[in-house]
Amino acid sequence: MAFASYQKAARTLAGVAHALADAHGVGNELTAEAQTMASNILSDPGYLPSVAARAWRWAPEMEDIAETLRAAGLPADMAEAAVAVMSRWEGDKDQYDLELTDVLSHLRSQSD
């Protein structure tokens, strides 16, 4: 289920990203930029502490992305969900030395 959640969500997000790029006439640029990325983020969880440390910066960007998606007539739910996930890392702001186990535990719901 964990692998399937990543695979399906990543492909769905790619579809939304391409639709947004197409709506703004930058589809080719998105494809070119994506081709420069060589990492497989699922196979290297060691980068997650740096994501948690920067989530405070990324959450407002994702809110802007959600608004951009809505303005283009596209679903903003995934961007809004990313904001919700990043909010769980608010206490990790600029803490690049966190252990992966701590970063993952911060994603677990205390009470929603």
Protein backbone atom coordinates (compact mmCIF):
# COMPACT_ATOMS: atom_id res chain seq x y z
CA MET A 1 0.00 0.00 0.00
CA ALA A 2 2.88 2.40 0.77
CA PHE A 3 4.45 1.83 -2.65
CA ALA A 4 1.11 2.06 -4.44
CA SER A 5 0.27 5.30 -2.62
CA TYR A 6 3.48 6.86 -3.89
CA GLN A 7 3.22 5.49 -7.42
CA LYS A 8 -0.38 6.55 -7.96
CA ALA A 9 -0.07 9.95 -6.28
CA ALA A 10 3.18 10.78 -8.09
CA ARG A 11 1.68 9.99 -11.48
CA THR A 12 -1.49 11.90 -10.66
CA LEU A 13 0.55 14.89 -9.54
CA ALA A 14 2.58 14.68 -12.76
CA GLY A 15 -0.67 14.85 -14.70
CA VAL A 16 -1.77 17.96 -12.81
CA ALA A 17 1.67 19.57 -13.26
CA HIS A 18 1.58 18.94 -17.01
CA ALA A 19 -1.97 20.29 -17.27
CA LEU A 20 -0.93 23.44 -15.41
CA ALA A 21 2.15 23.88 -17.59
CA ASP A 22 0.00 23.38 -20.68
CA ALA A 23 -2.50 25.99 -19.44
CA HIS A 24 0.36 28.49 -19.23
CA GLY A 25 2.05 27.44 -22.46
CA VAL A 26 5.18 26.05 -20.81
CA GLY A 27 4.69 22.32 -21.28
CA ASN A 28 7.95 21.86 -23.16
CA GLU A 29 9.85 23.75 -20.46
CA LEU A 30 8.40 21.52 -17.75
CA THR A 31 9.39 18.39 -19.63
CA ALA A 32 12.91 19.74 -20.23
CA GLU A 33 13.33 20.66 -16.56
CA ALA A 34 12.06 17.26 -15.42
CA GLN A 35 14.54 15.49 -17.68
CA THR A 36 17.43 17.10 -15.77
CA MET A 37 16.32 15.43 -12.55
CA ALA A 38 18.11 12.14 -12.02
CA SER A 39 16.94 11.23 -8.53
CA ASN A 40 14.39 8.69 -7.46
CA ILE A 41 13.11 10.28 -4.30
CA LEU A 42 11.33 7.19 -3.03
CA SER A 43 14.54 5.13 -2.94
CA ASP A 44 16.47 7.64 -0.81
CA PRO A 45 14.58 8.64 2.35
CA GLY A 46 17.76 10.15 3.78
CA TYR A 47 16.85 13.49 2.23
CA LEU A 48 13.60 13.75 4.25
CA PRO A 49 15.14 15.58 7.24
CA SER A 50 16.09 18.43 4.90
CA VAL A 51 12.54 18.47 3.54
CA ALA A 52 11.15 18.70 7.08
CA ALA A 53 13.61 21.49 7.89
CA ARG A 54 12.40 23.50 4.88
CA ALA A 55 8.69 22.67 5.11
CA TRP A 56 7.99 26.02 6.80
CA ARG A 57 9.14 27.72 3.58
CA TRP A 58 7.52 25.29 1.20
CA ALA A 59 4.03 25.34 2.73
CA PRO A 60 3.30 28.95 1.67
CA GLU A 61 4.64 28.14 -1.81
CA MET A 62 2.25 25.19 -2.00
CA GLU A 63 -0.62 27.50 -0.96
CA ASP A 64 0.33 29.74 -3.91
CA ILE A 65 0.44 26.67 -6.14
CA ALA A 66 -3.05 25.66 -4.97
CA GLU A 67 -4.35 29.11 -5.92
CA THR A 68 -2.62 28.90 -9.31
CA LEU A 69 -4.21 25.50 -9.92
CA ARG A 70 -7.66 26.81 -9.00
CA ALA A 71 -7.18 29.80 -11.31
CA ALA A 72 -6.38 27.39 -14.16
CA GLY A 73 -9.49 25.33 -13.42
CA LEU A 74 -7.46 22.42 -12.08
CA PRO A 75 -7.94 20.53 -8.79
CA ALA A 76 -5.92 22.04 -5.96
CA ASP A 77 -6.52 19.20 -3.49
CA MET A 78 -3.04 17.67 -3.79
CA ALA A 79 -1.32 21.00 -3.19
CA GLU A 80 -3.57 21.63 -0.20
CA ALA A 81 -2.80 18.15 1.10
CA ALA A 82 0.93 18.89 0.78
CA VAL A 83 0.39 21.99 2.95
CA ALA A 84 -1.34 19.82 5.55
CA VAL A 85 1.56 17.37 5.55
CA MET A 86 4.15 20.14 5.77
CA SER A 87 2.33 21.68 8.73
CA ARG A 88 3.21 18.56 10.71
CA TRP A 89 6.88 19.49 10.25
CA GLU A 90 6.47 23.08 11.53
CA GLY A 91 8.47 22.25 14.66
CA ASP A 92 11.34 20.99 12.51
CA LYS A 93 12.09 24.42 11.05
CA ASP A 94 15.75 24.71 10.04
CA GLN A 95 16.70 21.55 11.98
CA TYR A 96 18.79 19.83 9.33
CA ASP A 97 20.34 17.43 11.83
CA LEU A 98 17.13 15.57 12.72
CA GLU A 99 17.10 11.79 12.58
CA LEU A 100 14.93 10.21 9.89
CA THR A 101 12.95 8.35 12.55
CA ASP A 102 12.02 11.67 14.18
CA VAL A 103 11.01 13.24 10.87
CA LEU A 104 8.77 10.28 10.06
CA SER A 105 7.23 10.23 13.53
CA HIS A 106 6.31 13.91 13.19
CA LEU A 107 4.05 12.99 10.28
CA ARG A 108 1.97 10.67 12.43
CA SER A 109 -1.27 12.18 13.64
CA GLN A 110 -1.39 13.20 17.25
CA SER A 111 -5.04 14.25 16.95
CA ASP A 112 -6.81 15.47 13.84
